[in-house]
C-alpha atoms as a PDB file:
ATOM      1  CA  UNK A   1     -18.490  67.344 129.909  1.00  0.00           C
ATOM      2  CA  UNK A   2     -15.209  65.422 129.843  1.00  0.00           C
ATOM      3  CA  UNK A   3     -14.489  62.270 131.796  1.00  0.00           C
ATOM      4  CA  UNK A   4     -10.814  62.426 132.799  1.00  0.00           C
ATOM      5  CA  UNK A   5      -8.907  59.467 134.211  1.00  0.00           C
ATOM      6  CA  UNK A   6      -5.520  59.655 135.956  1.00  0.00           C
ATOM      7  CA  UNK A   7      -3.133  57.915 133.478  1.00  0.00           C
ATOM      8  CA  UNK A   8      -1.101  56.178 136.204  1.00  0.00           C
ATOM      9  CA  UNK A   9      -4.091  55.185 138.360  1.00  0.00           C
ATOM     10  CA  UNK A  10      -5.744  53.810 135.211  1.00  0.00           C
ATOM     11  CA  UNK A  11      -2.798  51.407 134.726  1.00  0.00           C
ATOM     12  CA  UNK A  12      -1.900  50.521 138.332  1.00  0.00           C
ATOM     13  CA  UNK A  13      -2.201  46.793 138.905  1.00  0.00           C
ATOM     14  CA  UNK A  14      -2.225  46.110 135.162  1.00  0.00           C
ATOM     15  CA  UNK A  15       0.972  47.517 133.677  1.00  0.00           C
ATOM     16  CA  UNK A  16       2.073  49.970 136.408  1.00  0.00           C
ATOM     17  CA  UNK A  17       3.325  48.817 139.854  1.00  0.00           C
ATOM     18  CA  UNK A  18       1.790  50.103 143.079  1.00  0.00           C
ATOM     19  CA  UNK A  19       3.707  53.001 144.673  1.00  0.00           C
ATOM     20  CA  UNK A  20       3.114  51.553 148.160  1.00  0.00           C
ATOM     21  CA  UNK A  21       3.712  47.811 148.418  1.00  0.00           C
ATOM     22  CA  UNK A  22       2.673  46.309 151.757  1.00  0.00           C
ATOM     23  CA  UNK A  23      -0.183  44.547 153.501  1.00  0.00           C
ATOM     24  CA  UNK A  24      -1.918  45.657 156.704  1.00  0.00           C
ATOM     25  CA  UNK A  25      -5.042  44.750 158.614  1.00  0.00           C
ATOM     26  CA  UNK A  26      -8.018  47.095 158.723  1.00  0.00           C
ATOM     27  CA  UNK A  27      -7.003  48.607 162.063  1.00  0.00           C
ATOM     28  CA  UNK A  28      -3.498  49.676 160.944  1.00  0.00           C
ATOM     29  CA  UNK A  29      -4.155  50.504 157.290  1.00  0.00           C
ATOM     30  CA  UNK A  30      -5.114  54.172 157.784  1.00  0.00           C
ATOM     31  CA  UNK A  31      -2.103  54.972 159.977  1.00  0.00           C
ATOM     32  CA  UNK A  32       0.363  53.337 157.582  1.00  0.00           C
ATOM     33  CA  UNK A  33      -1.158  55.115 154.585  1.00  0.00           C
ATOM     34  CA  UNK A  34      -0.785  58.490 156.315  1.00  0.00           C
ATOM     35  CA  UNK A  35       2.772  57.569 157.272  1.00  0.00           C
ATOM     36  CA  UNK A  36       3.584  56.916 153.599  1.00  0.00           C
ATOM     37  CA  UNK A  37       2.249  60.374 152.745  1.00  0.00           C
ATOM     38  CA  UNK A  38       4.368  61.977 155.481  1.00  0.00           C
ATOM     39  CA  UNK A  39       7.471  60.221 154.106  1.00  0.00           C
ATOM     40  CA  UNK A  40       6.792  61.449 150.568  1.00  0.00           C
ATOM     41  CA  UNK A  41       6.014  65.027 151.598  1.00  0.00           C
ATOM     42  CA  UNK A  42       9.096  65.222 153.816  1.00  0.00           C
ATOM     43  CA  UNK A  43      11.488  64.019 151.095  1.00  0.00           C
ATOM     44  CA  UNK A  44       9.898  66.240 148.429  1.00  0.00           C
ATOM     45  CA  UNK A  45      10.156  69.294 150.691  1.00  0.00           C
ATOM     46  CA  UNK A  46      13.640  68.752 152.136  1.00  0.00           C
ATOM     47  CA  UNK A  47      15.264  67.359 148.972  1.00  0.00           C
ATOM     48  CA  UNK A  48      13.450  69.291 146.260  1.00  0.00           C
ATOM     49  CA  UNK A  49      16.759  70.166 144.567  1.00  0.00           C
ATOM     50  CA  UNK A  50      17.515  66.442 144.096  1.00  0.00           C
ATOM     51  CA  UNK A  51      14.749  66.264 141.421  1.00  0.00           C
ATOM     52  CA  UNK A  52      12.631  63.483 142.961  1.00  0.00           C
ATOM     53  CA  UNK A  53       9.597  62.564 140.794  1.00  0.00           C
ATOM     54  CA  UNK A  54       8.585  59.350 142.558  1.00  0.00           C
ATOM     55  CA  UNK A  55       8.952  57.625 145.940  1.00  0.00           C
ATOM     56  CA  UNK A  56       7.988  53.974 146.498  1.00  0.00           C
ATOM     57  CA  UNK A  57       7.463  52.443 149.936  1.00  0.00           C
ATOM     58  CA  UNK A  58       7.790  48.749 150.823  1.00  0.00           C
ATOM     59  CA  UNK A  59       7.081  47.401 154.306  1.00  0.00           C
ATOM     60  CA  UNK A  60       7.734  44.272 156.329  1.00  0.00           C
ATOM     61  CA  UNK A  61       7.103  43.728 160.039  1.00  0.00           C
ATOM     62  CA  UNK A  62      10.696  44.641 160.873  1.00  0.00           C
ATOM     63  CA  UNK A  63      11.549  47.523 158.549  1.00  0.00           C
ATOM     64  CA  UNK A  64      10.469  50.093 155.959  1.00  0.00           C
ATOM     65  CA  UNK A  65      12.215  50.330 152.588  1.00  0.00           C
ATOM     66  CA  UNK A  66      11.993  53.702 150.838  1.00  0.00           C
ATOM     67  CA  UNK A  67      12.898  53.674 147.138  1.00  0.00           C
ATOM     68  CA  UNK A  68      13.680  57.192 145.918  1.00  0.00           C
ATOM     69  CA  UNK A  69      13.778  57.875 142.172  1.00  0.00           C
ATOM     70  CA  UNK A  70      16.043  60.873 141.579  1.00  0.00           C
ATOM     71  CA  UNK A  71      17.755  62.624 138.686  1.00  0.00           C
ATOM     72  CA  UNK A  72      20.517  63.923 140.998  1.00  0.00           C
ATOM     73  CA  UNK A  73      21.517  61.060 143.319  1.00  0.00           C
ATOM     74  CA  UNK A  74      24.662  62.901 144.410  1.00  0.00           C
ATOM     75  CA  UNK A  75      22.590  65.570 146.180  1.00  0.00           C
ATOM     76  CA  UNK A  76      20.533  62.908 147.947  1.00  0.00           C
ATOM     77  CA  UNK A  77      23.469  60.701 148.979  1.00  0.00           C
ATOM     78  CA  UNK A  78      25.901  63.501 149.855  1.00  0.00           C
ATOM     79  CA  UNK A  79      29.640  63.279 150.361  1.00  0.00           C
ATOM     80  CA  UNK A  80      30.595  59.808 151.645  1.00  0.00           C
ATOM     81  CA  UNK A  81      26.908  59.075 152.227  1.00  0.00           C
ATOM     82  CA  UNK A  82      26.516  61.723 154.941  1.00  0.00           C
ATOM     83  CA  UNK A  83      23.280  63.141 153.528  1.00  0.00           C
ATOM     84  CA  UNK A  84      21.575  59.782 153.092  1.00  0.00           C
ATOM     85  CA  UNK A  85      22.542  58.821 156.681  1.00  0.00           C
ATOM     86  CA  UNK A  86      20.870  62.003 157.916  1.00  0.00           C
ATOM     87  CA  UNK A  87      17.767  61.225 155.843  1.00  0.00           C
ATOM     88  CA  UNK A  88      17.732  57.709 157.275  1.00  0.00           C
ATOM     89  CA  UNK A  89      17.676  59.087 160.825  1.00  0.00           C
ATOM     90  CA  UNK A  90      14.877  61.546 159.973  1.00  0.00           C
ATOM     91  CA  UNK A  91      12.706  58.844 158.371  1.00  0.00           C
ATOM     92  CA  UNK A  92      13.347  56.483 161.291  1.00  0.00           C
ATOM     93  CA  UNK A  93      11.844  59.130 163.603  1.00  0.00           C
ATOM     94  CA  UNK A  94       8.764  59.371 161.358  1.00  0.00           C
ATOM     95  CA  UNK A  95       8.256  55.591 161.116  1.00  0.00           C
ATOM     96  CA  UNK A  96       9.456  54.538 164.583  1.00  0.00           C
ATOM     97  CA  UNK A  97      11.174  51.511 163.045  1.00  0.00           C
ATOM     98  CA  UNK A  98      14.360  50.839 161.011  1.00  0.00           C
ATOM     99  CA  UNK A  99      14.366  52.391 157.536  1.00  0.00           C
ATOM    100  CA  UNK A 100      16.393  51.329 154.500  1.00  0.00           C
ATOM    101  CA  UNK A 101      16.835  53.833 151.657  1.00  0.00           C
ATOM    102  CA  UNK A 102      17.505  52.856 148.077  1.00  0.00           C
ATOM    103  CA  UNK A 103      18.008  55.299 145.226  1.00  0.00           C
ATOM    104  CA  UNK A 104      17.150  54.804 141.569  1.00  0.00           C
ATOM    105  CA  UNK A 105      18.957  57.163 139.217  1.00  0.00           C
ATOM    106  CA  UNK A 106      16.860  58.640 136.395  1.00  0.00           C
ATOM    107  CA  UNK A 107      19.195  58.857 133.433  1.00  0.00           C
ATOM    108  CA  UNK A 108      16.871  61.014 131.300  1.00  0.00           C
ATOM    109  CA  UNK A 109      14.950  63.565 133.407  1.00  0.00           C
ATOM    110  CA  UNK A 110      13.451  65.026 130.205  1.00  0.00           C
ATOM    111  CA  UNK A 111      11.355  61.844 129.954  1.00  0.00           C
ATOM    112  CA  UNK A 112       9.933  62.099 133.485  1.00  0.00           C
ATOM    113  CA  UNK A 113       6.558  63.840 133.336  1.00  0.00           C
ATOM    114  CA  UNK A 114       6.759  65.005 136.967  1.00  0.00           C
ATOM    115  CA  UNK A 115      10.207  66.571 136.485  1.00  0.00           C
ATOM    116  CA  UNK A 116       9.162  68.251 133.230  1.00  0.00           C
ATOM    117  CA  UNK A 117       6.075  69.672 134.956  1.00  0.00           C
ATOM    118  CA  UNK A 118       8.163  70.953 137.884  1.00  0.00           C
ATOM    119  CA  UNK A 119      10.620  72.519 135.425  1.00  0.00           C
ATOM    120  CA  UNK A 120       7.793  74.413 133.694  1.00  0.00           C
ATOM    121  CA  UNK A 121       6.423  75.507 137.102  1.00  0.00           C
ATOM    122  CA  UNK A 122       9.834  76.864 138.143  1.00  0.00           C
ATOM    123  CA  UNK A 123      10.117  78.825 134.895  1.00  0.00           C
ATOM    124  CA  UNK A 124       6.671  80.343 135.479  1.00  0.00           C
ATOM    125  CA  UNK A 125       7.662  81.319 139.036  1.00  0.00           C
ATOM    126  CA  UNK A 126      10.697  83.110 137.583  1.00  0.00           C
ATOM    127  CA  UNK A 127       8.244  85.082 135.394  1.00  0.00           C
ATOM    128  CA  UNK A 128       9.381  83.494 132.135  1.00  0.00           C
ATOM    129  CA  UNK A 129       7.043  83.627 129.128  1.00  0.00           C
ATOM    130  CA  UNK A 130       4.583  80.731 129.498  1.00  0.00           C
ATOM    131  CA  UNK A 131       4.507  80.089 125.734  1.00  0.00           C
ATOM    132  CA  UNK A 132       8.293  79.886 125.574  1.00  0.00           C
ATOM    133  CA  UNK A 133       8.413  77.619 128.621  1.00  0.00           C
ATOM    134  CA  UNK A 134       5.833  75.246 127.108  1.00  0.00           C
ATOM    135  CA  UNK A 135       7.515  75.105 123.706  1.00  0.00           C
ATOM    136  CA  UNK A 136      11.053  74.650 125.051  1.00  0.00           C
ATOM    137  CA  UNK A 137      10.089  71.886 127.526  1.00  0.00           C
ATOM    138  CA  UNK A 138       8.045  69.979 124.921  1.00  0.00           C
ATOM    139  CA  UNK A 139      10.844  70.143 122.349  1.00  0.00           C
ATOM    140  CA  UNK A 140      13.473  68.926 124.850  1.00  0.00           C
ATOM    141  CA  UNK A 141      11.228  65.987 125.764  1.00  0.00           C
ATOM    142  CA  UNK A 142      10.772  64.978 122.118  1.00  0.00           C
ATOM    143  CA  UNK A 143      14.531  65.301 121.489  1.00  0.00           C
ATOM    144  CA  UNK A 144      15.186  62.974 124.442  1.00  0.00           C
ATOM    145  CA  UNK A 145      13.266  60.180 122.678  1.00  0.00           C
ATOM    146  CA  UNK A 146       9.604  60.559 123.638  1.00  0.00           C
ATOM    147  CA  UNK A 147       6.974  59.542 121.084  1.00  0.00           C
ATOM    148  CA  UNK A 148       4.551  62.213 122.250  1.00  0.00           C
ATOM    149  CA  UNK A 149       4.122  64.929 124.858  1.00  0.00           C
ATOM    150  CA  UNK A 150       1.265  67.104 126.077  1.00  0.00           C
ATOM    151  CA  UNK A 151       1.722  69.951 128.565  1.00  0.00           C
ATOM    152  CA  UNK A 152      -1.236  71.945 129.882  1.00  0.00           C
ATOM    153  CA  UNK A 153      -1.136  74.981 132.173  1.00  0.00           C
ATOM    154  CA  UNK A 154      -4.135  76.654 133.799  1.00  0.00           C
ATOM    155  CA  UNK A 155      -4.448  79.878 135.785  1.00  0.00           C
ATOM    156  CA  UNK A 156      -3.902  83.607 135.438  1.00  0.00           C
ATOM    157  CA  UNK A 157      -1.338  83.293 132.672  1.00  0.00           C
ATOM    158  CA  UNK A 158       0.774  86.380 132.127  1.00  0.00           C
ATOM    159  CA  UNK A 159      -1.057  88.137 134.950  1.00  0.00           C
ATOM    160  CA  UNK A 160      -4.367  88.181 133.059  1.00  0.00           C
ATOM    161  CA  UNK A 161      -7.544  89.137 134.919  1.00  0.00           C
ATOM    162  CA  UNK A 162      -9.361  85.948 133.896  1.00  0.00           C
ATOM    163  CA  UNK A 163      -7.834  82.484 134.290  1.00  0.00           C
ATOM    164  CA  UNK A 164      -7.492  80.385 131.156  1.00  0.00           C
ATOM    165  CA  UNK A 165      -5.880  77.213 129.871  1.00  0.00           C
ATOM    166  CA  UNK A 166      -3.031  76.864 127.377  1.00  0.00           C
ATOM    167  CA  UNK A 167      -1.541  73.603 126.121  1.00  0.00           C
ATOM    168  CA  UNK A 168       0.931  72.216 123.628  1.00  0.00           C
ATOM    169  CA  UNK A 169       0.811  68.829 121.874  1.00  0.00           C
ATOM    170  CA  UNK A 170       3.681  67.160 120.043  1.00  0.00           C
ATOM    171  CA  UNK A 171       3.514  63.610 118.664  1.00  0.00           C
ATOM    172  CA  UNK A 172       0.782  61.273 119.905  1.00  0.00           C
ATOM    173  CA  UNK A 173      -0.372  60.540 123.471  1.00  0.00           C
ATOM    174  CA  UNK A 174      -2.732  57.502 123.507  1.00  0.00           C
ATOM    175  CA  UNK A 175      -4.394  57.868 126.915  1.00  0.00           C
ATOM    176  CA  UNK A 176      -6.884  55.007 126.516  1.00  0.00           C
ATOM    177  CA  UNK A 177      -4.435  52.278 125.487  1.00  0.00           C
ATOM    178  CA  UNK A 178      -3.361  50.178 128.473  1.00  0.00           C
ATOM    179  CA  UNK A 179      -0.235  48.711 126.897  1.00  0.00           C
ATOM    180  CA  UNK A 180       1.164  52.194 126.184  1.00  0.00           C
ATOM    181  CA  UNK A 181       3.552  53.699 128.735  1.00  0.00           C
ATOM    182  CA  UNK A 182       2.136  57.174 129.393  1.00  0.00           C
ATOM    183  CA  UNK A 183       3.844  58.984 132.257  1.00  0.00           C
ATOM    184  CA  UNK A 184       1.881  61.718 134.047  1.00  0.00           C
ATOM    185  CA  UNK A 185       2.943  64.535 136.333  1.00  0.00           C
ATOM    186  CA  UNK A 186       1.338  67.488 138.103  1.00  0.00           C
ATOM    187  CA  UNK A 187       3.083  70.545 139.529  1.00  0.00           C
ATOM    188  CA  UNK A 188       2.005  73.908 140.937  1.00  0.00           C
ATOM    189  CA  UNK A 189       3.599  77.287 140.241  1.00  0.00           C
ATOM    190  CA  UNK A 190       2.940  79.809 143.012  1.00  0.00           C
ATOM    191  CA  UNK A 191       3.227  83.202 141.320  1.00  0.00           C
ATOM    192  CA  UNK A 192       2.505  86.732 142.560  1.00  0.00           C
ATOM    193  CA  UNK A 193      -0.720  86.757 140.514  1.00  0.00           C
ATOM    194  CA  UNK A 194      -1.973  83.410 141.787  1.00  0.00           C
ATOM    195  CA  UNK A 195      -1.506  79.666 141.465  1.00  0.00           C
ATOM    196  CA  UNK A 196      -0.886  78.057 138.053  1.00  0.00           C
ATOM    197  CA  UNK A 197      -1.348  74.307 137.629  1.00  0.00           C
ATOM    198  CA  UNK A 198       0.904  72.347 135.262  1.00  0.00           C
ATOM    199  CA  UNK A 199      -0.122  68.922 133.913  1.00  0.00           C
ATOM    200  CA  UNK A 200       2.238  66.825 131.797  1.00  0.00           C
ATOM    201  CA  UNK A 201       1.715  63.645 129.785  1.00  0.00           C
ATOM    202  CA  UNK A 202       4.656  61.870 128.101  1.00  0.00           C
ATOM    203  CA  UNK A 203       4.254  58.855 125.821  1.00  0.00           C
ATOM    204  CA  UNK A 204       7.353  56.640 126.052  1.00  0.00           C
ATOM    205  CA  UNK A 205       6.224  53.705 123.876  1.00  0.00           C
ATOM    206  CA  UNK A 206       4.849  50.197 124.486  1.00  0.00           C
ATOM    207  CA  UNK A 207       5.497  48.539 127.846  1.00  0.00           C
ATOM    208  CA  UNK A 208       6.712  45.403 126.109  1.00  0.00           C
ATOM    209  CA  UNK A 209       9.544  47.358 124.477  1.00  0.00           C
ATOM    210  CA  UNK A 210      10.963  48.331 127.888  1.00  0.00           C
ATOM    211  CA  UNK A 211      10.537  45.083 129.852  1.00  0.00           C
ATOM    212  CA  UNK A 212      13.798  43.611 128.535  1.00  0.00           C
ATOM    213  CA  UNK A 213      15.787  46.673 129.678  1.00  0.00           C
ATOM    214  CA  UNK A 214      14.258  47.194 133.109  1.00  0.00           C
ATOM    215  CA  UNK A 215      11.648  49.707 131.943  1.00  0.00           C
ATOM    216  CA  UNK A 216      14.463  52.061 130.839  1.00  0.00           C
ATOM    217  CA  UNK A 217      13.565  54.368 133.734  1.00  0.00           C
ATOM    218  CA  UNK A 218      16.715  54.381 135.802  1.00  0.00           C
ATOM    219  CA  UNK A 219      19.537  52.542 137.506  1.00  0.00           C
ATOM    220  CA  UNK A 220      19.253  51.068 141.011  1.00  0.00           C
ATOM    221  CA  UNK A 221      21.958  51.979 143.507  1.00  0.00           C
END
């Protein structure tokens, strides 16, 4: 029996920052936590084409700051900022207080585990060969500069009667080493034959190597 640990949760508070950064008393904590989830689900659903792997939320008494990491900031911002103004109004209705939106551009989406997982899921939904989708995505990730990648899919692959698991490993993925930057993502492919889960691990290197260059993840706008 395997003991699996979420790679990001394993590192949060040690080498990974919290995705929600605020303080609340016991009475308000539950409501604010659910509000964060509503913000994330809304942006992921309405702006799925903007390739958003991560959304951070910061709060003060006066306002909420939503930091959206995206590989396609143009789709999120829109022409002359029209789209981001609309998003600001929608989030203000959810939070009932002023909202500030910041975007962080992801320069290399091939190195984002969530985006790679969503890419594989989209290929499976288009009925592409699962082996080809796994191999192509893993190779593109390694070519982009990753030191290791592991992609695992589970479900009724190829329309088989019995669900099974397939995975591909390239390079090394040290899951138990805290000073290693291992990005993790999970996506779901809803096919005609059933749901297929896609898990992705990408090893970027040591955290210390990225501290001098702002983690190398993206550019703040």
